[in-house]
Amino acid sequence: MKLLLSICLTLCFVTVCFAQHRSRGPSVKLPKLRQELLKRVSEDQRIRSELIKKGIDHPDKILLSQMNKIDAVNTARLKVIIKRYGWPGPKLIGPDGTDAFFLLAQHADPAFQKKVLPLVQKAYSRGILTGQNYALFTDRVLVESGKPQIYGTAAKHVDQWNNKVPVFEPIEDEANVDKRRAAVGLTPLSEYREFLKHLYFPEEKPKP
């Protein structure tokens, strides 16, 4: 349950990423793998969208079980891909395939995420991953390890929010978090808080 909110948060991050730059490019070396990853993401997003529609504050147990099974199967597949290709980038699977691979990794189990964090850091330094995705993954691993997050991308579960206002997991040097967020292409924390509020509680009217 602790991960349900952060799992669903990826929905909005990756939706933005796919919309930003997701042309296929002139060619990819592994078009079949790209198509497979996109298909897996489609199923990943379908189950999470259903969870949100049913009510994220009281998640449907059957849907939650289905989601966990989907994540486990996808994680097993990611391990095979990484063993063969390392962290795949746009030249292998296209920009959208790269985002798809990241999303599936973002929904893997904490042990897997911690193990591949160095690969994520390397992919970011090489320009394979966006700053937003790098921040999201880094914060996920830190929070799961019981450490303060760096970029403020991880909020607590909705049952710990303050009257439907998001409450974030502890943030290291929170006074300067917006500087770090800007460095990786994220909006200020206050804007992100409002975004999350209206993502999960769309019936609440935005402030004038």
Protein backbone atom coordinates (compact mmCIF):
# COMPACT_ATOMS: atom_id res chain seq x y z
CA MET A 1 0.00 0.00 0.00
CA LYS A 2 2.86 2.36 0.75
CA LEU A 3 4.01 2.24 -2.85
CA LEU A 4 0.58 2.63 -4.43
CA LEU A 5 0.68 6.41 -4.53
CA SER A 6 4.23 6.65 -5.86
CA ILE A 7 3.45 3.92 -8.37
CA CYS A 8 0.53 5.90 -9.67
CA LEU A 9 2.54 9.12 -9.67
CA THR A 10 4.61 7.64 -12.46
CA LEU A 11 1.48 7.69 -14.57
CA CYS A 12 1.59 11.48 -14.80
CA PHE A 13 5.38 11.71 -15.19
CA VAL A 14 5.59 9.25 -18.04
CA THR A 15 2.47 10.61 -19.72
CA VAL A 16 4.29 13.94 -19.92
CA CYS A 17 7.48 12.30 -21.17
CA PHE A 18 5.70 10.39 -23.92
CA ALA A 19 3.96 13.58 -25.04
CA GLN A 20 7.12 15.69 -25.08
CA HIS A 21 9.44 14.01 -27.54
CA ARG A 22 8.03 10.73 -28.57
CA SER A 23 8.69 10.47 -32.23
CA ARG A 24 10.19 7.16 -33.17
CA GLY A 25 13.23 8.57 -34.94
CA PRO A 26 14.69 7.35 -38.25
CA SER A 27 15.24 3.78 -37.08
CA VAL A 28 15.79 1.57 -34.06
CA LYS A 29 17.93 -1.54 -33.81
CA LEU A 30 15.39 -3.55 -31.85
CA PRO A 31 11.93 -2.64 -33.16
CA LYS A 32 10.30 -5.82 -31.82
CA LEU A 33 11.58 -5.13 -28.32
CA ARG A 34 10.32 -1.57 -28.60
CA GLN A 35 6.85 -2.80 -29.53
CA GLU A 36 6.89 -5.30 -26.70
CA LEU A 37 7.77 -2.62 -24.16
CA LEU A 38 5.08 -0.27 -25.44
CA LYS A 39 2.53 -3.08 -25.16
CA ARG A 40 3.62 -3.81 -21.60
CA VAL A 41 3.31 -0.12 -20.72
CA SER A 42 -0.18 0.00 -22.18
CA GLU A 43 -1.26 -2.77 -19.82
CA ASP A 44 0.65 -1.17 -16.94
CA GLN A 45 -1.16 2.12 -17.41
CA ARG A 46 -4.55 0.50 -17.95
CA ILE A 47 -4.55 -1.21 -14.56
CA ARG A 48 -3.33 1.92 -12.79
CA SER A 49 -5.94 4.09 -14.48
CA GLU A 50 -8.62 1.68 -13.27
CA LEU A 51 -7.26 1.93 -9.73
CA ILE A 52 -7.44 5.71 -9.81
CA LYS A 53 -10.97 5.67 -11.24
CA LYS A 54 -12.15 3.27 -8.53
CA GLY A 55 -10.75 5.59 -5.86
CA ILE A 56 -7.10 5.78 -4.90
CA ASP A 57 -7.92 6.40 -1.22
CA HIS A 58 -9.64 2.97 -1.03
CA PRO A 59 -7.94 0.88 -3.74
CA ASP A 60 -9.75 -2.14 -5.13
CA LYS A 61 -8.03 -5.26 -3.77
CA ILE A 62 -8.62 -7.31 -6.92
CA LEU A 63 -7.15 -4.60 -9.16
CA LEU A 64 -4.26 -4.15 -6.76
CA SER A 65 -3.49 -7.87 -6.93
CA GLN A 66 -3.64 -7.77 -10.74
CA MET A 67 -1.28 -4.81 -10.79
CA ASN A 68 1.23 -6.60 -8.57
CA LYS A 69 1.18 -9.66 -10.84
CA ILE A 70 1.71 -7.50 -13.93
CA ASP A 71 4.62 -5.71 -12.24
CA ALA A 72 6.26 -9.00 -11.23
CA VAL A 73 6.09 -10.38 -14.78
CA ASN A 74 7.46 -7.14 -16.22
CA THR A 75 10.29 -7.02 -13.69
CA ALA A 76 11.38 -10.53 -14.64
CA ARG A 77 11.49 -9.44 -18.28
CA LEU A 78 13.50 -6.31 -17.46
CA LYS A 79 16.14 -8.41 -15.75
CA VAL A 80 16.60 -10.44 -18.93
CA ILE A 81 16.84 -7.30 -21.07
CA ILE A 82 19.36 -5.62 -18.77
CA LYS A 83 21.51 -8.73 -18.63
CA ARG A 84 21.71 -8.77 -22.41
CA TYR A 85 21.79 -5.07 -23.35
CA GLY A 86 22.41 -3.08 -20.21
CA TRP A 87 20.06 -0.11 -19.81
CA PRO A 88 18.65 0.27 -23.36
CA GLY A 89 18.56 3.71 -24.94
CA PRO A 90 16.93 5.38 -27.96
CA LYS A 91 19.31 3.85 -30.49
CA LEU A 92 18.15 0.39 -29.51
CA ILE A 93 14.45 0.91 -28.77
CA GLY A 94 13.60 4.50 -29.68
CA PRO A 95 12.79 7.42 -27.34
CA ASP A 96 9.34 6.09 -26.48
CA GLY A 97 10.75 2.61 -25.91
CA THR A 98 13.30 4.12 -23.55
CA ASP A 99 10.54 5.84 -21.59
CA ALA A 100 8.57 2.61 -21.55
CA PHE A 101 11.51 0.69 -20.14
CA PHE A 102 11.94 3.32 -17.44
CA LEU A 103 8.29 3.20 -16.43
CA LEU A 104 8.38 -0.56 -16.04
CA ALA A 105 11.54 -0.28 -13.95
CA GLN A 106 9.85 2.39 -11.85
CA HIS A 107 7.16 -0.15 -11.02
CA ALA A 108 9.56 -2.97 -10.15
CA ASP A 109 10.28 -4.15 -6.62
CA PRO A 110 12.55 -2.05 -4.34
CA ALA A 111 15.41 -4.57 -4.38
CA PHE A 112 15.59 -4.46 -8.17
CA GLN A 113 15.42 -0.66 -8.21
CA LYS A 114 18.22 -0.31 -5.69
CA LYS A 115 20.37 -2.70 -7.71
CA VAL A 116 19.90 -0.83 -11.00
CA LEU A 117 20.19 2.70 -9.58
CA PRO A 118 23.82 2.98 -10.79
CA LEU A 119 22.60 2.12 -14.30
CA VAL A 120 19.94 4.82 -14.03
CA GLN A 121 22.55 7.37 -12.94
CA LYS A 122 24.80 6.39 -15.82
CA ALA A 123 21.91 6.56 -18.29
CA TYR A 124 21.07 10.06 -17.09
CA SER A 125 24.68 11.23 -17.40
CA ARG A 126 24.73 9.91 -20.98
CA GLY A 127 21.51 11.71 -21.88
CA ILE A 128 19.49 8.51 -22.22
CA LEU A 129 17.10 9.42 -19.40
CA THR A 130 15.44 12.76 -18.75
CA GLY A 131 16.18 14.68 -15.58
CA GLN A 132 12.59 14.19 -14.46
CA ASN A 133 12.83 10.42 -14.73
CA TYR A 134 16.21 10.38 -13.04
CA ALA A 135 14.85 12.40 -10.12
CA LEU A 136 11.77 10.23 -9.78
CA PHE A 137 13.78 7.01 -9.71
CA THR A 138 16.43 8.37 -7.33
CA ASP A 139 13.83 9.59 -4.85
CA ARG A 140 11.99 6.27 -5.03
CA VAL A 141 15.11 4.32 -4.06
CA LEU A 142 16.04 6.74 -1.28
CA VAL A 143 12.56 6.68 0.29
CA GLU A 144 12.40 2.89 0.11
CA SER A 145 15.79 2.80 1.86
CA GLY A 146 14.48 4.98 4.67
CA LYS A 147 16.47 8.03 3.59
CA PRO A 148 15.31 11.60 2.78
CA GLN A 149 14.53 12.19 -0.87
CA ILE A 150 16.43 14.81 -2.89
CA TYR A 151 13.93 16.18 -5.41
CA GLY A 152 10.60 15.96 -3.61
CA THR A 153 8.90 13.67 -6.12
CA ALA A 154 7.61 11.15 -3.55
CA ALA A 155 4.42 11.94 -1.62
CA LYS A 156 2.99 9.91 1.22
CA HIS A 157 -0.07 7.72 0.69
CA VAL A 158 -3.30 9.69 0.36
CA ASP A 159 -4.54 8.55 3.76
CA GLN A 160 -1.72 10.64 5.24
CA TRP A 161 -2.52 13.78 3.27
CA ASN A 162 -3.72 16.91 5.03
CA ASN A 163 -7.36 17.39 3.97
CA LYS A 164 -6.61 16.15 0.44
CA VAL A 165 -3.46 18.27 0.26
CA PRO A 166 -0.37 16.13 -0.56
CA VAL A 167 2.16 15.51 2.18
CA PHE A 168 5.65 14.61 0.99
CA GLU A 169 8.12 12.11 2.32
CA PRO A 170 11.05 13.80 4.15
CA ILE A 171 13.16 15.95 1.84
CA GLU A 172 16.84 16.62 2.34
CA ASP A 173 17.59 20.36 2.62
CA GLU A 174 13.99 21.19 1.73
CA ALA A 175 14.69 24.93 1.69
CA ASN A 176 16.68 24.45 -1.52
CA VAL A 177 14.62 21.69 -3.12
CA ASP A 178 13.22 23.96 -5.84
CA LYS A 179 16.76 24.71 -7.03
CA ARG A 180 17.45 21.02 -7.40
CA ARG A 181 14.09 20.45 -9.07
CA ALA A 182 14.78 23.21 -11.59
CA ALA A 183 18.17 21.70 -12.39
CA VAL A 184 16.49 18.50 -13.60
CA GLY A 185 13.54 20.18 -15.31
CA LEU A 186 10.89 19.89 -12.58
CA THR A 187 8.35 22.52 -11.58
CA PRO A 188 8.49 24.09 -8.09
CA LEU A 189 7.29 21.88 -5.27
CA SER A 190 4.25 24.09 -4.63
CA GLU A 191 3.04 23.62 -8.22
CA TYR A 192 3.67 19.90 -8.05
CA ARG A 193 1.62 19.71 -4.85
CA GLU A 194 -1.36 21.33 -6.55
CA PHE A 195 -0.95 19.09 -9.57
CA LEU A 196 -1.08 15.97 -7.41
CA LYS A 197 -4.07 17.23 -5.48
CA HIS A 198 -6.14 17.67 -8.62
CA LEU A 199 -4.84 14.48 -10.21
CA TYR A 200 -6.13 12.34 -7.36
CA PHE A 201 -9.11 14.46 -6.39
CA PRO A 202 -10.31 15.98 -9.69
CA GLU A 203 -13.63 16.94 -8.15
CA GLU A 204 -11.82 19.58 -6.09
CA LYS A 205 -11.89 22.94 -7.89
CA PRO A 206 -8.52 24.66 -8.45
CA LYS A 207 -7.81 27.80 -6.47
CA PRO A 208 -8.76 31.01 -8.38
